[in-house]
Every structure is written in structure tokens, then in C-alpha cells.
Amino acid sequence: MPDFLTTPDNEKIAYEKSDGHGPTLIWCGGLKSDMNGSKAVHLHSWAQARGQTFIRFDYFGHGESSGDFIEGTMSRWAADIQLVRDALCDGEVIFIGSSMGGWASLLAAIANTPRVAGLVLINPAPDFTEKLTVAGWTEAQIKALEDDGVVYEPSGYDEPYAYSKALIEDGRARQILDLPIPLTCPIRILQGYEDTVVPWAHSKRLIDMLTSKDVTYTLVAGGDHSLSRASDLKLIETAIDSISS
């Protein structure tokens, strides 16, 4: 059973934590995913086996946390990461951000850089609301957002993605790929070459924008958006090791 944190507006954020040495690893999942996804569970077991502190959690409106998904925004989900970090651990942290979690963890890192020892980004999707989602919409979908306040798209989960007007407008205001990203910590980016959700050409733009001098970008042959094959998981472990050891 998870434990819960209370947000400033009395929502509940579900999390699971195991204690060990630092830096603390914080898993930041993707859009509509939860902390019981295969990568999150695998990495938690891996961290426990090596005695390293690990935290996985559900964003507002996700999994066992409270809130309605349709009311979520990038600002809110980035704030969830900061709450988890500040309430549950001292010292340095490493954010492991998958897809949307890559963007959210970058935003959280920018907001408090001194405590971030590094980032491991898996098929990261910075600016996806504007540069991937809205960029691919038809005129009818754009009109639906204005008229109805929400656009639904298939998600591969039980429920469709619900792109609210608040999410799109907040995402537009929180874009980071058009200016230098002020982070100097080590950053490891793993990108599936066959990813059709976040094309490699999109995540590769991070290389040009990150100010850190310690950035690696690994393009994984045959890798899809999940990057959850045994060989993929090993790459993620190696990326974490390169920062935390």
C-alpha cells in the first residue's frame, strides 16, 4: 500500500519509498502512467538491491493520487515532483524522467538546481503539448479545444488522453526548447530509434539547448517508446550508475 503526501491545496499524492544511501532516485513517469509501471517497479527493485534510496509516485490525477486528470497541467505535475523531493528526502537527488516525466523533471530541476545531482531522461518529451500534440491537430480539433475546452485522443490506456485547454495553455507557457536550458548537472538521454510517440529528432533538440557540458544522448536501435526490454533496462541502470556512483 502506498503512503500519501498532502499538497498545499489538500490533494493526496501517492508514493512508495525505500531508504538507503544517496543520491535519492526519484522516478517521474509519463502521461497517464502510474508508479506501478514495469520500468518504475524494476528500477525500484534494482535500487533496493544496491541499497540506494528510491521513490516512485503518482502525479495529481494519476494512479492512486487524488484529483481529476483533466485538471492537470505541466506546472502542477512539475510541482508534484518538487513536493516529493522536498518532503521525502534530504540531500541530492537524481530525477529519472520518462516521456512527459522528462519535461516535468526538467522543469523541477530548473526550479531548484542545487539539489539535483543529475537527470536520466527516457524518450523525453519537452514541449510535447505544443510541438508534438497541437502541431499535429486538425483545424476541427483546434476548434473543439476552443469550443469544448478539451480534445480527446486514444491513449493505449483504459481511458483516452484528455487534452484540456488549461493543459495546452500552460504547456505553451512552460516550453523550454526555444531558449538555453540552465542546467549544469550530468544529463543522460536515452531515446528509442523506433519511438513513434516522441520521435528521436524531437528529443535530440535538447542537446542544443542544455547548457550542461556533461550530456550524453543514446539512440537505441529497435527501441520503442516504452524502452522496457531487458537490454533497455540495463541501459537505464548504466545511465543512473554513471551519475550516482
Protein backbone atom coordinates (compact mmCIF):
# COMPACT_ATOMS: atom_id res chain seq x y z
CA MET A 1 0.00 0.00 0.00
CA PRO A 2 1.31 3.46 -0.84
CA ASP A 3 1.82 6.32 1.55
CA PHE A 4 0.48 9.78 0.80
CA LEU A 5 1.68 13.37 0.81
CA THR A 6 -0.72 16.30 1.09
CA THR A 7 -0.36 19.13 -1.41
CA PRO A 8 -0.88 22.80 -0.45
CA ASP A 9 -4.46 22.55 -1.80
CA ASN A 10 -5.18 19.32 0.12
CA GLU A 11 -4.85 16.84 -2.71
CA LYS A 12 -3.17 13.50 -1.96
CA ILE A 13 -0.04 12.31 -3.80
CA ALA A 14 0.54 8.56 -3.52
CA TYR A 15 4.12 7.32 -3.25
CA GLU A 16 6.31 4.38 -2.32
CA LYS A 17 9.77 4.86 -0.89
CA SER A 18 12.62 2.60 0.18
CA ASP A 19 15.51 4.05 2.18
CA GLY A 20 19.22 3.64 1.50
CA HIS A 21 22.21 5.72 0.51
CA GLY A 22 22.07 8.76 -1.76
CA PRO A 23 21.67 10.38 -4.08
CA THR A 24 17.95 9.62 -3.93
CA LEU A 25 16.48 8.28 -7.17
CA ILE A 26 13.05 9.75 -7.98
CA TRP A 27 11.02 8.14 -10.74
CA CYS A 28 8.95 10.64 -12.77
CA GLY A 29 6.56 8.73 -15.01
CA GLY A 30 4.84 9.59 -18.25
CA LEU A 31 1.42 10.97 -19.11
CA LYS A 32 -1.38 8.74 -17.72
CA SER A 33 1.13 6.18 -16.44
CA ASP A 34 1.43 5.29 -12.77
CA MET A 35 4.11 4.23 -10.32
CA ASN A 36 3.39 0.54 -10.92
CA GLY A 37 4.66 0.59 -14.49
CA SER A 38 7.27 -2.02 -15.43
CA LYS A 39 10.25 0.36 -15.56
CA ALA A 40 9.38 2.03 -12.25
CA VAL A 41 8.96 -1.29 -10.44
CA HIS A 42 12.10 -2.77 -11.98
CA LEU A 43 14.26 0.22 -11.09
CA HIS A 44 12.86 0.30 -7.55
CA SER A 45 13.89 -3.34 -7.04
CA TRP A 46 17.28 -2.62 -8.60
CA ALA A 47 17.84 0.35 -6.28
CA GLN A 48 16.81 -1.66 -3.22
CA ALA A 49 19.26 -4.42 -4.14
CA ARG A 50 22.11 -1.90 -4.22
CA GLY A 51 20.97 -0.06 -1.11
CA GLN A 52 20.06 3.22 -2.78
CA THR A 53 17.08 5.37 -1.78
CA PHE A 54 14.29 5.22 -4.36
CA ILE A 55 10.95 7.00 -4.63
CA ARG A 56 8.18 6.44 -7.14
CA PHE A 57 4.89 8.32 -7.03
CA ASP A 58 1.69 9.14 -8.89
CA TYR A 59 1.12 12.67 -10.15
CA PHE A 60 -2.08 14.56 -9.39
CA GLY A 61 -4.88 12.87 -11.35
CA HIS A 62 -2.82 9.72 -11.93
CA GLY A 63 -2.90 6.26 -10.36
CA GLU A 64 -3.79 6.29 -6.66
CA SER A 65 -3.31 10.03 -6.19
CA SER A 66 -6.36 12.28 -5.86
CA GLY A 67 -7.57 14.73 -8.45
CA ASP A 68 -9.08 14.62 -11.92
CA PHE A 69 -6.58 14.05 -14.73
CA ILE A 70 -8.31 16.61 -16.91
CA GLU A 71 -7.43 19.33 -14.38
CA GLY A 72 -3.70 18.53 -14.52
CA THR A 73 -1.08 20.78 -16.11
CA MET A 74 2.67 20.66 -16.60
CA SER A 75 3.11 23.25 -13.84
CA ARG A 76 1.09 21.10 -11.45
CA TRP A 77 2.93 17.87 -12.28
CA ALA A 78 6.34 19.56 -12.01
CA ALA A 79 5.23 20.89 -8.61
CA ASP A 80 4.36 17.32 -7.58
CA ILE A 81 7.97 16.31 -8.28
CA GLN A 82 9.24 19.20 -6.17
CA LEU A 83 6.87 18.29 -3.33
CA VAL A 84 8.05 14.67 -3.35
CA ARG A 85 11.68 15.78 -3.36
CA ASP A 86 11.36 18.38 -0.62
CA ALA A 87 9.08 16.38 1.68
CA LEU A 88 10.66 12.95 1.42
CA CYS A 89 14.41 13.35 1.14
CA ASP A 90 17.40 15.43 2.13
CA GLY A 91 20.49 15.91 0.06
CA GLU A 92 20.94 15.38 -3.66
CA VAL A 93 18.50 13.67 -5.99
CA ILE A 94 18.58 12.15 -9.45
CA PHE A 95 15.37 12.54 -11.45
CA ILE A 96 14.55 9.68 -13.80
CA GLY A 97 12.01 11.16 -16.20
CA SER A 98 10.11 9.15 -18.78
CA SER A 99 8.34 10.85 -21.71
CA MET A 100 6.19 13.63 -20.19
CA GLY A 101 8.11 13.00 -16.97
CA GLY A 102 11.24 14.08 -18.81
CA TRP A 103 9.74 17.51 -19.35
CA ALA A 104 8.29 17.70 -15.83
CA SER A 105 11.59 16.68 -14.24
CA LEU A 106 13.49 19.25 -16.30
CA LEU A 107 11.07 21.93 -15.07
CA ALA A 108 11.52 20.74 -11.47
CA ALA A 109 15.29 20.71 -11.86
CA ILE A 110 15.35 24.24 -13.27
CA ALA A 111 13.27 25.39 -10.29
CA ASN A 112 15.79 24.07 -7.74
CA THR A 113 19.09 23.18 -9.37
CA PRO A 114 21.37 22.94 -6.29
CA ARG A 115 19.81 19.68 -5.09
CA VAL A 116 19.82 17.94 -8.48
CA ALA A 117 22.81 15.63 -8.92
CA GLY A 118 21.69 14.66 -12.40
CA LEU A 119 18.89 13.60 -14.72
CA VAL A 120 18.23 10.42 -16.66
CA LEU A 121 15.68 11.14 -19.38
CA ILE A 122 13.94 8.29 -21.21
CA ASN A 123 12.30 9.27 -24.52
CA PRO A 124 11.85 12.76 -23.04
CA ALA A 125 9.01 14.88 -24.38
CA PRO A 126 9.73 18.54 -23.56
CA ASP A 127 7.17 20.93 -25.06
CA PHE A 128 5.12 17.98 -26.35
CA THR A 129 1.77 19.72 -25.88
CA GLU A 130 2.66 22.42 -28.39
CA LYS A 131 5.36 20.93 -30.60
CA LEU A 132 4.02 17.37 -30.94
CA THR A 133 0.34 17.33 -29.96
CA VAL A 134 -1.15 20.62 -31.14
CA ALA A 135 1.25 20.67 -34.09
CA GLY A 136 -0.45 17.53 -35.39
CA TRP A 137 -4.04 18.55 -34.79
CA THR A 138 -6.60 19.25 -37.48
CA GLU A 139 -8.50 22.52 -37.64
CA ALA A 140 -11.52 20.65 -36.23
CA GLN A 141 -9.54 19.60 -33.16
CA ILE A 142 -8.23 23.11 -32.58
CA LYS A 143 -11.81 24.41 -32.85
CA ALA A 144 -13.00 21.70 -30.43
CA LEU A 145 -10.46 22.89 -27.87
CA GLU A 146 -11.83 26.41 -28.10
CA ASP A 147 -15.48 25.36 -28.12
CA ASP A 148 -15.45 22.44 -25.68
CA GLY A 149 -12.32 23.12 -23.61
CA VAL A 150 -10.95 19.62 -24.24
CA VAL A 151 -9.78 17.31 -27.03
CA TYR A 152 -9.76 13.53 -26.61
CA GLU A 153 -7.28 11.20 -28.30
CA PRO A 154 -6.64 7.44 -28.00
CA SER A 155 -4.03 6.72 -25.33
CA GLY A 156 -3.37 2.99 -25.21
CA TYR A 157 -4.66 3.08 -21.61
CA ASP A 158 -8.19 2.37 -20.32
CA GLU A 159 -9.16 5.98 -20.90
CA PRO A 160 -8.22 8.36 -23.73
CA TYR A 161 -5.84 11.26 -23.34
CA ALA A 162 -7.85 14.35 -22.40
CA TYR A 163 -6.04 17.46 -23.56
CA SER A 164 -7.68 20.33 -21.70
CA LYS A 165 -7.40 23.96 -22.68
CA ALA A 166 -5.63 24.56 -19.36
CA LEU A 167 -3.03 21.87 -20.12
CA ILE A 168 -2.37 23.22 -23.62
CA GLU A 169 -2.13 26.85 -22.50
CA ASP A 170 0.06 26.00 -19.51
CA GLY A 171 2.28 23.82 -21.67
CA ARG A 172 2.65 26.63 -24.18
CA ALA A 173 3.84 28.92 -21.38
CA ARG A 174 6.28 26.33 -19.96
CA GLN A 175 8.14 25.46 -23.19
CA ILE A 176 11.88 25.03 -22.74
CA LEU A 177 13.29 24.07 -26.15
CA ASP A 178 13.43 27.59 -27.58
CA LEU A 179 15.96 29.04 -25.14
CA PRO A 180 19.06 27.72 -23.34
CA ILE A 181 18.12 25.35 -20.52
CA PRO A 182 20.06 26.49 -17.42
CA LEU A 183 21.21 23.16 -16.00
CA THR A 184 24.85 22.21 -15.40
CA CYS A 185 24.40 18.75 -13.84
CA PRO A 186 25.13 15.49 -15.70
CA ILE A 187 22.25 14.51 -18.00
CA ARG A 188 21.77 11.16 -19.72
CA ILE A 189 19.20 10.90 -22.52
CA LEU A 190 18.03 7.51 -23.81
CA GLN A 191 15.88 7.56 -26.94
CA GLY A 192 14.26 4.72 -28.84
CA TYR A 193 15.00 4.93 -32.55
CA GLU A 194 11.61 3.37 -33.36
CA ASP A 195 9.66 5.62 -30.97
CA THR A 196 6.57 6.88 -32.82
CA VAL A 197 5.23 8.89 -29.85
CA VAL A 198 8.32 11.06 -29.29
CA PRO A 199 10.43 10.97 -32.47
CA TRP A 200 14.17 10.97 -31.86
CA ALA A 201 14.55 14.22 -33.81
CA HIS A 202 12.40 15.93 -31.18
CA SER A 203 14.28 14.81 -28.06
CA LYS A 204 17.60 15.40 -29.81
CA ARG A 205 16.85 19.14 -29.71
CA LEU A 206 17.71 19.01 -26.02
CA ILE A 207 21.39 18.63 -26.91
CA ASP A 208 21.43 22.09 -28.48
CA MET A 209 19.53 23.75 -25.62
CA LEU A 210 21.09 22.22 -22.49
CA THR A 211 23.89 24.32 -21.05
CA SER A 212 25.41 21.35 -19.20
CA LYS A 213 28.76 20.18 -20.55
CA ASP A 214 28.06 16.63 -19.35
CA VAL A 215 25.27 15.41 -21.64
CA THR A 216 25.07 12.10 -23.47
CA TYR A 217 22.40 11.12 -26.00
CA THR A 218 21.98 7.41 -26.68
CA LEU A 219 19.86 6.39 -29.67
CA VAL A 220 18.66 2.83 -29.05
CA ALA A 221 18.29 0.71 -32.18
CA GLY A 222 14.94 -1.09 -32.22
CA GLY A 223 13.81 0.79 -29.12
CA ASP A 224 10.19 1.94 -28.95
CA HIS A 225 8.51 4.48 -26.67
CA SER A 226 8.46 2.15 -23.69
CA LEU A 227 12.17 1.19 -23.70
CA SER A 228 11.33 -1.67 -21.36
CA ARG A 229 13.21 -4.61 -22.90
CA ALA A 230 15.84 -6.24 -20.70
CA SER A 231 18.57 -4.56 -22.75
CA ASP A 232 16.82 -1.19 -22.40
CA LEU A 233 16.56 -1.55 -18.63
CA LYS A 234 20.26 -2.31 -18.48
CA LEU A 235 20.99 0.90 -20.39
CA ILE A 236 18.90 2.87 -17.90
CA GLU A 237 20.74 1.27 -14.98
CA THR A 238 24.09 2.11 -16.58
CA ALA A 239 22.99 5.71 -17.14
CA ILE A 240 21.99 6.07 -13.48
CA ASP A 241 25.26 4.47 -12.40
CA SER A 242 27.29 6.95 -14.45
CA ILE A 243 25.86 9.77 -12.33
CA SER A 244 25.39 8.26 -8.89
CA SER A 245 28.50 6.14 -8.47
